Every structure is written in structure tokens, then in C-alpha cells.
C-alpha atoms as a PDB file:
ATOM      1  CA  MET A   1     -22.651   2.533  13.255  1.00  0.00           C
ATOM      2  CA  MET A   2     -20.501   1.424  10.331  1.00  0.00           C
ATOM      3  CA  MET A   3     -19.334  -2.196  10.678  1.00  0.00           C
ATOM      4  CA  VAL A   4     -16.070  -3.418   9.173  1.00  0.00           C
ATOM      5  CA  ASN A   5     -15.522  -7.057   8.232  1.00  0.00           C
ATOM      6  CA  THR A   6     -12.080  -7.614   9.736  1.00  0.00           C
ATOM      7  CA  SER A   7     -11.970 -11.126   8.250  1.00  0.00           C
ATOM      8  CA  SER A   8     -12.037  -9.783   4.696  1.00  0.00           C
ATOM      9  CA  THR A   9      -9.008 -10.719   2.599  1.00  0.00           C
ATOM     10  CA  CYS A  10      -9.359  -7.816   0.144  1.00  0.00           C
ATOM     11  CA  ALA A  11      -6.450  -5.415   0.692  1.00  0.00           C
ATOM     12  CA  THR A  12      -8.027  -2.754  -1.517  1.00  0.00           C
ATOM     13  CA  THR A  13     -11.136  -2.666   0.663  1.00  0.00           C
ATOM     14  CA  ARG A  14      -9.146  -2.639   3.885  1.00  0.00           C
ATOM     15  CA  LEU A  15      -6.839   0.195   2.856  1.00  0.00           C
ATOM     16  CA  THR A  16      -9.791   2.255   1.671  1.00  0.00           C
ATOM     17  CA  GLN A  17     -11.587   1.633   4.964  1.00  0.00           C
ATOM     18  CA  CYS A  18      -8.508   2.652   6.957  1.00  0.00           C
ATOM     19  CA  ARG A  19      -8.642   6.083   5.351  1.00  0.00           C
ATOM     20  CA  ASP A  20     -12.453   6.357   5.456  1.00  0.00           C
ATOM     21  CA  PHE A  21     -13.162   5.034   8.967  1.00  0.00           C
ATOM     22  CA  GLY A  22      -9.798   5.073  10.734  1.00  0.00           C
ATOM     23  CA  VAL A  23      -7.219   2.438  11.597  1.00  0.00           C
ATOM     24  CA  TYR A  24      -8.809   1.374  14.878  1.00  0.00           C
ATOM     25  CA  MET A  25     -11.952   0.088  13.168  1.00  0.00           C
ATOM     26  CA  ASN A  26      -9.766  -2.104  10.953  1.00  0.00           C
ATOM     27  CA  ASP A  27      -7.577  -3.522  13.737  1.00  0.00           C
ATOM     28  CA  VAL A  28      -7.676  -7.355  13.629  1.00  0.00           C
ATOM     29  CA  THR A  29      -6.072  -7.856  17.068  1.00  0.00           C
ATOM     30  CA  LYS A  30      -9.324  -8.991  18.700  1.00  0.00           C
ATOM     31  CA  LYS A  31      -9.510 -11.991  16.395  1.00  0.00           C
ATOM     32  CA  PHE A  32      -6.300 -13.304  17.954  1.00  0.00           C
ATOM     33  CA  LEU A  33      -7.447 -12.813  21.544  1.00  0.00           C
ATOM     34  CA  ARG A  34      -9.856 -15.715  21.060  1.00  0.00           C
ATOM     35  CA  ASP A  35      -9.282 -19.450  20.746  1.00  0.00           C
ATOM     36  CA  PRO A  36      -8.044 -20.808  17.394  1.00  0.00           C
ATOM     37  CA  GLU A  37     -11.289 -22.758  17.026  1.00  0.00           C
ATOM     38  CA  GLN A  38     -13.119 -19.450  16.661  1.00  0.00           C
ATOM     39  CA  ALA A  39     -11.109 -18.574  13.559  1.00  0.00           C
ATOM     40  CA  PRO A  40     -12.267 -21.159  10.989  1.00  0.00           C
ATOM     41  CA  ASP A  41     -10.488 -19.372   8.133  1.00  0.00           C
ATOM     42  CA  LEU A  42      -7.075 -20.271   9.590  1.00  0.00           C
ATOM     43  CA  SER A  43      -5.529 -23.550  10.674  1.00  0.00           C
ATOM     44  CA  GLU A  44      -4.517 -23.692  14.326  1.00  0.00           C
ATOM     45  CA  ALA A  45      -0.843 -23.529  13.318  1.00  0.00           C
ATOM     46  CA  ASP A  46      -1.406 -20.458  11.123  1.00  0.00           C
ATOM     47  CA  PHE A  47      -3.479 -18.817  13.851  1.00  0.00           C
ATOM     48  CA  MET A  48      -0.839 -19.338  16.541  1.00  0.00           C
ATOM     49  CA  ALA A  49       1.988 -18.153  14.279  1.00  0.00           C
ATOM     50  CA  ARG A  50       0.146 -14.925  13.530  1.00  0.00           C
ATOM     51  CA  LYS A  51      -0.761 -14.445  17.180  1.00  0.00           C
ATOM     52  CA  ASN A  52       2.925 -14.796  18.064  1.00  0.00           C
ATOM     53  CA  VAL A  53       3.990 -12.120  15.572  1.00  0.00           C
ATOM     54  CA  ILE A  54       1.184  -9.752  16.588  1.00  0.00           C
ATOM     55  CA  GLU A  55       2.268 -10.013  20.224  1.00  0.00           C
ATOM     56  CA  GLN A  56       5.884  -9.230  19.297  1.00  0.00           C
ATOM     57  CA  VAL A  57       4.913  -6.121  17.348  1.00  0.00           C
ATOM     58  CA  SER A  58       2.551  -5.038  20.129  1.00  0.00           C
ATOM     59  CA  GLU A  59       5.285  -5.352  22.764  1.00  0.00           C
ATOM     60  CA  TRP A  60       7.721  -3.416  20.576  1.00  0.00           C
ATOM     61  CA  SER A  61       5.243  -0.638  19.803  1.00  0.00           C
ATOM     62  CA  GLU A  62       4.398  -0.208  23.486  1.00  0.00           C
ATOM     63  CA  GLY A  63       8.103   0.132  24.216  1.00  0.00           C
ATOM     64  CA  ILE A  64       8.527   2.992  21.756  1.00  0.00           C
ATOM     65  CA  GLY A  65       5.250   4.694  22.631  1.00  0.00           C
ATOM     66  CA  ALA A  66       3.727   4.252  19.181  1.00  0.00           C
ATOM     67  CA  GLU A  67       0.852   2.227  17.783  1.00  0.00           C
ATOM     68  CA  TRP A  68       1.181  -0.278  14.955  1.00  0.00           C
ATOM     69  CA  PRO A  69      -2.139  -2.142  14.691  1.00  0.00           C
ATOM     70  CA  PRO A  70      -2.410  -5.217  12.476  1.00  0.00           C
ATOM     71  CA  ILE A  71      -4.975  -4.549   9.748  1.00  0.00           C
ATOM     72  CA  LEU A  72      -4.670  -7.718   7.631  1.00  0.00           C
ATOM     73  CA  TYR A  73      -3.712 -11.281   8.550  1.00  0.00           C
ATOM     74  CA  LEU A  74      -4.250 -12.902   5.126  1.00  0.00           C
ATOM     75  CA  TYR A  75      -4.820 -10.861   2.022  1.00  0.00           C
ATOM     76  CA  GLU A  76      -4.998 -10.618  -1.735  1.00  0.00           C
ATOM     77  CA  ILE A  77      -4.587  -7.383  -3.673  1.00  0.00           C
ATOM     78  CA  VAL A  78      -8.273  -7.220  -4.572  1.00  0.00           C
ATOM     79  CA  LYS A  79     -11.160  -9.617  -4.128  1.00  0.00           C
ATOM     80  CA  ALA A  80     -10.723 -12.875  -6.099  1.00  0.00           C
ATOM     81  CA  SER A  81      -7.280 -11.858  -7.438  1.00  0.00           C
ATOM     82  CA  ALA A  82      -5.195 -14.522  -5.650  1.00  0.00           C
ATOM     83  CA  LYS A  83      -5.189 -17.258  -8.263  1.00  0.00           C
ATOM     84  CA  ARG A  84      -2.160 -19.140  -6.906  1.00  0.00           C
ATOM     85  CA  GLU A  85      -0.423 -19.657  -3.574  1.00  0.00           C
ATOM     86  CA  ARG A  86       2.260 -17.092  -4.384  1.00  0.00           C
ATOM     87  CA  ASP A  87      -0.425 -14.407  -4.655  1.00  0.00           C
ATOM     88  CA  TRP A  88      -1.348 -14.419  -0.951  1.00  0.00           C
ATOM     89  CA  GLY A  89       0.164 -11.947   1.496  1.00  0.00           C
ATOM     90  CA  HIS A  90       0.033 -12.460   5.246  1.00  0.00           C
ATOM     91  CA  LEU A  91       0.317  -9.960   8.111  1.00  0.00           C
ATOM     92  CA  ILE A  92       0.174  -6.203   7.554  1.00  0.00           C
ATOM     93  CA  PHE A  93       0.716  -3.610  10.304  1.00  0.00           C
ATOM     94  CA  THR A  94       0.391   0.152   9.872  1.00  0.00           C
ATOM     95  CA  ASP A  95       1.208   3.245  11.861  1.00  0.00           C
ATOM     96  CA  LEU A  96      -1.691   5.608  12.522  1.00  0.00           C
ATOM     97  CA  THR A  97      -0.794   7.816   9.560  1.00  0.00           C
ATOM     98  CA  THR A  98      -1.249   4.881   7.144  1.00  0.00           C
ATOM     99  CA  THR A  99       1.953   5.899   5.388  1.00  0.00           C
ATOM    100  CA  ARG A 100       4.326   3.312   6.875  1.00  0.00           C
ATOM    101  CA  PHE A 101       3.687  -0.413   6.875  1.00  0.00           C
ATOM    102  CA  LEU A 102       5.188  -3.634   8.184  1.00  0.00           C
ATOM    103  CA  LEU A 103       4.635  -6.836   6.222  1.00  0.00           C
ATOM    104  CA  VAL A 104       5.359 -10.252   7.733  1.00  0.00           C
ATOM    105  CA  MET A 105       5.131 -13.470   5.740  1.00  0.00           C
ATOM    106  CA  ILE A 106       4.752 -16.763   7.608  1.00  0.00           C
ATOM    107  CA  PHE A 107       6.241 -19.833   5.945  1.00  0.00           C
ATOM    108  CA  PRO A 108       6.719 -23.549   6.710  1.00  0.00           C
ATOM    109  CA  GLU A 109      10.096 -24.825   7.830  1.00  0.00           C
ATOM    110  CA  GLU A 110      12.685 -24.996   5.097  1.00  0.00           C
ATOM    111  CA  CYS A 111      13.352 -28.476   3.741  1.00  0.00           C
ATOM    112  CA  ASP A 112      15.604 -30.262   1.252  1.00  0.00           C
ATOM    113  CA  CYS A 113      12.781 -31.288  -1.083  1.00  0.00           C
ATOM    114  CA  GLY A 114      13.104 -28.104  -3.136  1.00  0.00           C
ATOM    115  CA  ASN A 115       9.583 -26.866  -2.377  1.00  0.00           C
ATOM    116  CA  PHE A 116      10.314 -24.814   0.734  1.00  0.00           C
ATOM    117  CA  SER A 117      13.579 -22.870   0.634  1.00  0.00           C
ATOM    118  CA  HIS A 118      14.874 -19.577   1.961  1.00  0.00           C
ATOM    119  CA  HIS A 119      15.490 -18.514  -1.643  1.00  0.00           C
ATOM    120  CA  ASP A 120      11.774 -18.786  -2.388  1.00  0.00           C
ATOM    121  CA  TYR A 121      10.867 -17.161   0.921  1.00  0.00           C
ATOM    122  CA  GLY A 122      13.022 -14.129   0.240  1.00  0.00           C
ATOM    123  CA  ALA A 123      11.742 -13.782  -3.326  1.00  0.00           C
ATOM    124  CA  LEU A 124       8.104 -14.091  -2.259  1.00  0.00           C
ATOM    125  CA  THR A 125       8.532 -11.583   0.568  1.00  0.00           C
ATOM    126  CA  LYS A 126      10.139  -8.984  -1.699  1.00  0.00           C
ATOM    127  CA  TYR A 127       7.440  -9.627  -4.300  1.00  0.00           C
ATOM    128  CA  GLN A 128       4.674  -9.028  -1.763  1.00  0.00           C
ATOM    129  CA  ALA A 129       6.370  -5.832  -0.553  1.00  0.00           C
ATOM    130  CA  ASP A 130       6.547  -4.470  -4.107  1.00  0.00           C
ATOM    131  CA  ARG A 131       2.936  -5.400  -4.799  1.00  0.00           C
ATOM    132  CA  PHE A 132       1.670  -3.860  -1.584  1.00  0.00           C
ATOM    133  CA  MET A 133       3.544  -0.628  -2.256  1.00  0.00           C
ATOM    134  CA  SER A 134       2.125  -0.642  -5.792  1.00  0.00           C
ATOM    135  CA  LEU A 135      -1.367  -0.872  -4.321  1.00  0.00           C
ATOM    136  CA  LEU A 136      -0.642   1.874  -1.793  1.00  0.00           C
ATOM    137  CA  LYS A 137       0.642   4.184  -4.531  1.00  0.00           C
ATOM    138  CA  TYR A 138      -2.481   3.561  -6.565  1.00  0.00           C
ATOM    139  CA  LEU A 139      -4.994   4.057  -3.747  1.00  0.00           C
ATOM    140  CA  TYR A 140      -3.235   6.765  -1.728  1.00  0.00           C
ATOM    141  CA  HIS A 141      -2.286   9.035  -4.623  1.00  0.00           C
ATOM    142  CA  THR A 142      -3.481  12.348  -3.153  1.00  0.00           C
ATOM    143  CA  GLU A 143      -2.948  13.118   0.551  1.00  0.00           C
ATOM    144  CA  ASN A 144      -0.624  11.294   2.965  1.00  0.00           C
ATOM    145  CA  LYS A 145       1.152   9.373   0.247  1.00  0.00           C
ATOM    146  CA  PRO A 146       2.825   6.101   1.311  1.00  0.00           C
ATOM    147  CA  ALA A 147       6.410   6.309   2.546  1.00  0.00           C
ATOM    148  CA  TRP A 148       7.573   2.723   2.861  1.00  0.00           C
ATOM    149  CA  VAL A 149       6.806  -0.947   3.355  1.00  0.00           C
ATOM    150  CA  ARG A 150       9.237  -2.990   5.420  1.00  0.00           C
ATOM    151  CA  ALA A 151       8.909  -6.729   4.916  1.00  0.00           C
ATOM    152  CA  THR A 152      10.327  -9.911   6.389  1.00  0.00           C
ATOM    153  CA  TYR A 153       9.395 -13.548   6.934  1.00  0.00           C
ATOM    154  CA  VAL A 154       9.365 -15.964   9.859  1.00  0.00           C
ATOM    155  CA  THR A 155       9.287 -19.755  10.110  1.00  0.00           C
ATOM    156  CA  LYS A 156       8.641 -22.345  12.783  1.00  0.00           C
ATOM    157  CA  LYS A 157      12.373 -23.076  12.952  1.00  0.00           C
ATOM    158  CA  ASN A 158      13.035 -19.760  14.713  1.00  0.00           C
ATOM    159  CA  GLY A 159       9.804 -19.880  16.692  1.00  0.00           C
ATOM    160  CA  PHE A 160       8.217 -17.326  14.360  1.00  0.00           C
ATOM    161  CA  THR A 161      10.463 -14.727  15.979  1.00  0.00           C
ATOM    162  CA  LEU A 162      11.118 -11.462  14.178  1.00  0.00           C
ATOM    163  CA  ASP A 163      14.772 -10.573  13.671  1.00  0.00           C
ATOM    164  CA  PRO A 164      15.633  -7.619  15.981  1.00  0.00           C
ATOM    165  CA  PRO A 165      16.769  -5.285  13.137  1.00  0.00           C
ATOM    166  CA  PHE A 166      13.290  -5.489  11.632  1.00  0.00           C
ATOM    167  CA  LEU A 167      11.859  -3.415  14.491  1.00  0.00           C
ATOM    168  CA  GLN A 168      14.884  -1.530  15.804  1.00  0.00           C
ATOM    169  CA  THR A 169      14.843   1.579  13.659  1.00  0.00           C
ATOM    170  CA  PHE A 170      12.810   3.524  11.144  1.00  0.00           C
ATOM    171  CA  ASP A 171      15.933   4.035   9.050  1.00  0.00           C
ATOM    172  CA  PRO A 172      16.004   1.815   5.974  1.00  0.00           C
ATOM    173  CA  PRO A 173      18.050  -1.311   6.689  1.00  0.00           C
ATOM    174  CA  THR A 174      20.145  -2.744   3.903  1.00  0.00           C
ATOM    175  CA  ASN A 175      18.088  -5.117   1.775  1.00  0.00           C
ATOM    176  CA  SER A 176      19.779  -8.358   2.664  1.00  0.00           C
ATOM    177  CA  GLY A 177      18.848 -11.690   4.121  1.00  0.00           C
ATOM    178  CA  LYS A 178      15.309 -11.578   5.436  1.00  0.00           C
ATOM    179  CA  ILE A 179      14.533  -7.844   5.589  1.00  0.00           C
ATOM    180  CA  PHE A 180      13.332  -5.815   2.606  1.00  0.00           C
ATOM    181  CA  HIS A 181      12.650  -2.079   2.805  1.00  0.00           C
ATOM    182  CA  VAL A 182      10.644  -0.760  -0.145  1.00  0.00           C
ATOM    183  CA  THR A 183       9.924   2.946  -0.583  1.00  0.00           C
ATOM    184  CA  ALA A 184       7.680   4.881  -2.936  1.00  0.00           C
ATOM    185  CA  ASP A 185      10.813   5.583  -5.002  1.00  0.00           C
ATOM    186  CA  THR A 186      12.395   2.123  -5.033  1.00  0.00           C
ATOM    187  CA  PHE A 187       9.488  -0.313  -5.416  1.00  0.00           C
ATOM    188  CA  VAL A 188       9.035  -2.465  -8.501  1.00  0.00           C
ATOM    189  CA  PRO A 189       5.640  -1.786 -10.158  1.00  0.00           C
ATOM    190  CA  SER A 190       3.884  -5.134  -9.890  1.00  0.00           C
ATOM    191  CA  LEU A 191       0.127  -4.861 -10.412  1.00  0.00           C
ATOM    192  CA  LEU A 192      -1.337  -6.518 -13.488  1.00  0.00           C
ATOM    193  CA  SER A 193      -3.815  -4.889 -15.841  1.00  0.00           C
ATOM    194  CA  ASN A 194      -6.684  -7.178 -14.834  1.00  0.00           C
ATOM    195  CA  GLU A 195      -6.002  -6.451 -11.153  1.00  0.00           C
ATOM    196  CA  LEU A 196      -6.194  -2.720 -11.800  1.00  0.00           C
ATOM    197  CA  GLU A 197      -9.498  -3.212 -13.610  1.00  0.00           C
ATOM    198  CA  SER A 198     -10.838  -5.091 -10.580  1.00  0.00           C
ATOM    199  CA  ILE A 199      -9.609  -2.362  -8.224  1.00  0.00           C
ATOM    200  CA  ASP A 200     -11.291   0.290 -10.362  1.00  0.00           C
ATOM    201  CA  ALA A 201     -14.542  -1.697 -10.382  1.00  0.00           C
ATOM    202  CA  LEU A 202     -14.451  -2.009  -6.603  1.00  0.00           C
ATOM    203  CA  LEU A 203     -13.715   1.677  -6.075  1.00  0.00           C
ATOM    204  CA  LYS A 204     -16.530   2.615  -8.433  1.00  0.00           C
ATOM    205  CA  GLN A 205     -19.027   1.033  -6.025  1.00  0.00           C
ATOM    206  CA  SER A 206     -18.268   3.782  -3.505  1.00  0.00           C
ATOM    207  CA  GLY A 207     -18.010   6.571  -6.056  1.00  0.00           C
ATOM    208  CA  LYS A 208     -14.201   6.656  -6.069  1.00  0.00           C
ATOM    209  CA  SER A 209     -11.810   6.666  -9.011  1.00  0.00           C
ATOM    210  CA  VAL A 210      -8.091   6.877  -9.709  1.00  0.00           C
ATOM    211  CA  PRO A 211      -6.565   9.066 -12.439  1.00  0.00           C
ATOM    212  CA  LYS A 212      -5.466   7.098 -15.475  1.00  0.00           C
ATOM    213  CA  THR A 213      -1.928   8.452 -15.117  1.00  0.00           C
ATOM    214  CA  MET A 214      -1.504   6.493 -11.871  1.00  0.00           C
ATOM    215  CA  ARG A 215      -1.941   3.212 -13.709  1.00  0.00           C
ATOM    216  CA  TYR A 216       1.374   3.599 -15.504  1.00  0.00           C
ATOM    217  CA  GLN A 217       3.202   4.178 -12.218  1.00  0.00           C
ATOM    218  CA  VAL A 218       2.172   0.814 -10.743  1.00  0.00           C
ATOM    219  CA  LEU A 219       1.585  -1.399 -13.778  1.00  0.00           C
ATOM    220  CA  GLY A 220       3.869  -4.395 -14.028  1.00  0.00           C
ATOM    221  CA  ASP A 221       3.765  -7.588 -16.042  1.00  0.00           C
ATOM    222  CA  LYS A 222       4.122 -11.310 -15.518  1.00  0.00           C
ATOM    223  CA  ASP A 223       7.911 -10.999 -15.588  1.00  0.00           C
ATOM    224  CA  THR A 224       7.784  -9.392 -12.130  1.00  0.00           C
ATOM    225  CA  ARG A 225       6.559 -12.664 -10.642  1.00  0.00           C
ATOM    226  CA  PRO A 226       9.252 -14.493  -8.662  1.00  0.00           C
ATOM    227  CA  ASP A 227      10.763 -17.691 -10.022  1.00  0.00           C
ATOM    228  CA  VAL A 228       9.724 -20.067  -7.242  1.00  0.00           C
ATOM    229  CA  SER A 229       9.054 -23.779  -6.869  1.00  0.00           C
ATOM    230  CA  ALA A 230       5.896 -25.468  -8.120  1.00  0.00           C
ATOM    231  CA  VAL A 231       4.188 -25.567  -4.718  1.00  0.00           C
ATOM    232  CA  TRP A 232       3.793 -21.771  -4.819  1.00  0.00           C
ATOM    233  CA  LYS A 233       2.343 -21.897  -8.334  1.00  0.00           C
ATOM    234  CA  ALA A 234      -0.477 -24.263  -7.373  1.00  0.00           C
ATOM    235  CA  LYS A 235      -3.932 -22.896  -8.110  1.00  0.00           C
ATOM    236  CA  ASN A 236      -6.091 -21.814  -5.187  1.00  0.00           C
ATOM    237  CA  ALA A 237      -9.425 -23.533  -4.697  1.00  0.00           C
ATOM    238  CA  ARG A 238     -12.330 -21.119  -4.164  1.00  0.00           C
ATOM    239  CA  GLN A 239     -16.031 -21.333  -3.442  1.00  0.00           C
ATOM    240  CA  CYS A 240     -18.305 -20.531  -6.363  1.00  0.00           C
ATOM    241  CA  ALA A 241     -20.429 -17.474  -5.554  1.00  0.00           C
ATOM    242  CA  GLN A 242     -23.469 -19.132  -7.170  1.00  0.00           C
ATOM    243  CA  CYS A 243     -23.477 -22.884  -6.391  1.00  0.00           C
ATOM    244  CA  GLU A 244     -20.953 -22.704  -3.499  1.00  0.00           C
ATOM    245  CA  LYS A 245     -18.904 -25.647  -4.790  1.00  0.00           C
ATOM    246  CA  ILE A 246     -15.148 -25.552  -4.168  1.00  0.00           C
ATOM    247  CA  SER A 247     -13.152 -25.510  -7.390  1.00  0.00           C
ATOM    248  CA  THR A 248      -9.889 -24.296  -8.910  1.00  0.00           C
ATOM    249  CA  LYS A 249     -11.706 -23.380 -12.118  1.00  0.00           C
ATOM    250  CA  ASP A 250     -12.204 -19.663 -12.454  1.00  0.00           C
ATOM    251  CA  LEU A 251     -13.995 -17.524 -14.996  1.00  0.00           C
ATOM    252  CA  MET A 252     -12.773 -14.020 -15.716  1.00  0.00           C
ATOM    253  CA  CYS A 253     -15.131 -12.083 -13.468  1.00  0.00           C
ATOM    254  CA  ARG A 254     -13.582  -9.050 -11.805  1.00  0.00           C
ATOM    255  CA  LEU A 255     -14.701  -9.379  -8.198  1.00  0.00           C
ATOM    256  CA  THR A 256     -16.301 -12.811  -7.840  1.00  0.00           C
ATOM    257  CA  HIS A 257     -15.346 -16.439  -8.469  1.00  0.00           C
ATOM    258  CA  TYR A 258     -17.588 -18.668 -10.575  1.00  0.00           C
ATOM    259  CA  CYS A 259     -16.833 -22.300 -11.354  1.00  0.00           C
ATOM    260  CA  SER A 260     -18.687 -22.427 -14.671  1.00  0.00           C
ATOM    261  CA  ARG A 261     -20.262 -20.326 -17.391  1.00  0.00           C
ATOM    262  CA  GLU A 262     -23.670 -21.577 -16.243  1.00  0.00           C
ATOM    263  CA  CYS A 263     -23.166 -20.250 -12.707  1.00  0.00           C
ATOM    264  CA  GLN A 264     -21.910 -16.936 -14.008  1.00  0.00           C
ATOM    265  CA  THR A 265     -24.973 -16.583 -16.254  1.00  0.00           C
ATOM    266  CA  LEU A 266     -27.368 -17.392 -13.405  1.00  0.00           C
ATOM    267  CA  ALA A 267     -25.720 -14.805 -11.151  1.00  0.00           C
ATOM    268  CA  TRP A 268     -25.426 -12.066 -13.774  1.00  0.00           C
ATOM    269  CA  PRO A 269     -28.742 -10.214 -13.158  1.00  0.00           C
ATOM    270  CA  SER A 270     -27.767  -9.343  -9.581  1.00  0.00           C
ATOM    271  CA  HIS A 271     -24.014  -9.179 -10.112  1.00  0.00           C
ATOM    272  CA  LYS A 272     -23.788  -7.031 -13.250  1.00  0.00           C
ATOM    273  CA  VAL A 273     -24.088  -3.742 -11.372  1.00  0.00           C
ATOM    274  CA  PHE A 274     -20.722  -4.452  -9.693  1.00  0.00           C
ATOM    275  CA  CYS A 275     -18.955  -6.067 -12.606  1.00  0.00           C
ATOM    276  CA  LYS A 276     -19.580  -3.843 -15.613  1.00  0.00           C
ATOM    277  CA  LYS A 277     -16.523  -2.331 -17.219  1.00  0.00           C
ATOM    278  CA  VAL A 278     -15.276   0.793 -15.458  1.00  0.00           C
ATOM    279  CA  PRO A 279     -15.042   3.847 -17.744  1.00  0.00           C
ATOM    280  CA  LYS A 280     -11.517   5.047 -18.415  1.00  0.00           C
ATOM    281  CA  ALA A 281     -10.458   7.922 -16.142  1.00  0.00           C
END
């Protein structure tokens, strides 16, 4: 039986698996039925906040007789692509057609220090919605094309409670305040060239490819990044795939983090099959 790593942070892998193996196999609900101590990749506060949101969406979906399983609870566009804090997305829910998605960002309480503000929270949430739709357009370019991504954010101040309009209707709400509704026609292309190369390399492992013409529909540039405070621009520390040390240093390897040229060289014989340049479609 095919096993799915529901703790994976790679959104490209998860979305591909949803279409290949079905949504149910990618449902992360079970992770949040356990104690926080059994989820070492999340702090207790982050675990409980996500659990709260998942329960709200579950209660709502039961009330309307539909299913909206959570498929990601912390994600980056493709493996090793989240270089800074602003690059991480949080909760993703999907309907069973994998054409409609809910995105919920979970942020600290707002403060007067300038690091945590509702202006940044709104900008980051919209940014993640555009990036996720860009990824959906790129991966789901044939059948059952993506319809929309609806995004919002919650904080401890409101008990991590979703605003009622976020779940009340499938009609697009006006983009204002904390709710952002992005469609396949209105999204801002936001994937970078190196991210698309990494996605192509990952897809190649399973014999998949995307037509070159799709690249120009989702390709953005660094100007699409939100202007946010320094705390969101801080580099992420990662574990080196070779020596396992934690470091913010990162060499340009498509799908794996290495802390030094020496580690990358040592790992190359076994890693090169996954990392060689993908031929142009």
C-alpha cells in the first residue's frame, strides 16, 4: 500500500499526491487528534492554533454536508524553497475535487513594535494566496483546473477564530480586511524561476512534466514579494542533508539544503540523479 508522508512541507509533492492517490490519503487531521508532544515539528502553541482552526472548518463542513480536509499545516512551494520566514504558508484545506482551496495563516498577536502588524499579516496572506494559486495553475494545467483560493489569517487575540464570512458562502467576498479571494483569472503570478526549476526537477522523478508555455502564466519576480518588516525577512535555519548541522547558509541545490560546498560535493554521487538540470519542455 502506498504511504504518504503527511508531515512533508512540500506543497508540490502534496498537490501531486492528492491527484494521484486521492485527498483522503493526504488528510492531516489525524496528526491533530494526538497530543502536541507527538508533533515535534510544531511548538505547542502552533499545534493548538492549527487544531482550533481545523475543528472550526470541520464543524462548518459537516453543517453544509461537504468535506474540506486539511492537506497541509505548514508548507513551502517546493522542497527547500522557503529561504525566509515570509516564504512559509500554513493551513491548506481542499474540497474533494481539488479545485477549491481554503488557506489560513496563523500569526502572533499584533504589537506596537513594528514587527507584527495587521498590515504585514494582510500582505503576507494575499501573497501566499497568489503563490498557491500560481502553483495550482502550474501543476493542474490539464483536467480539473483550479477555480479559487480563499485566504485569511487568525491571531491569538481573537482566539484563532475564523471570521464568519470566510466560511459562509462560495461566492467571492470582496477583498477587504482579512479575507482574500483569488481566482485563476485574478491571481498575481508569483513563482520565481528557480522555484519552477525545482518543481520541474521534482516532477521529473515521477516521469511528469509541464509544458513550457505554462511557465509564463505563473512566473513572477522579486517585486511581487510583500514589503513587510524585518522579522519576516529573517533567513530560515535548515538541517544540512549531509552533515545534519543546522545553518542558515544555503547552496543553490534544487531540492536539498547543504551548508557548505564540501557537504554538497560529498553528497553529489547519490544526489545527482535528482538534481540534474531538467530539459526544457
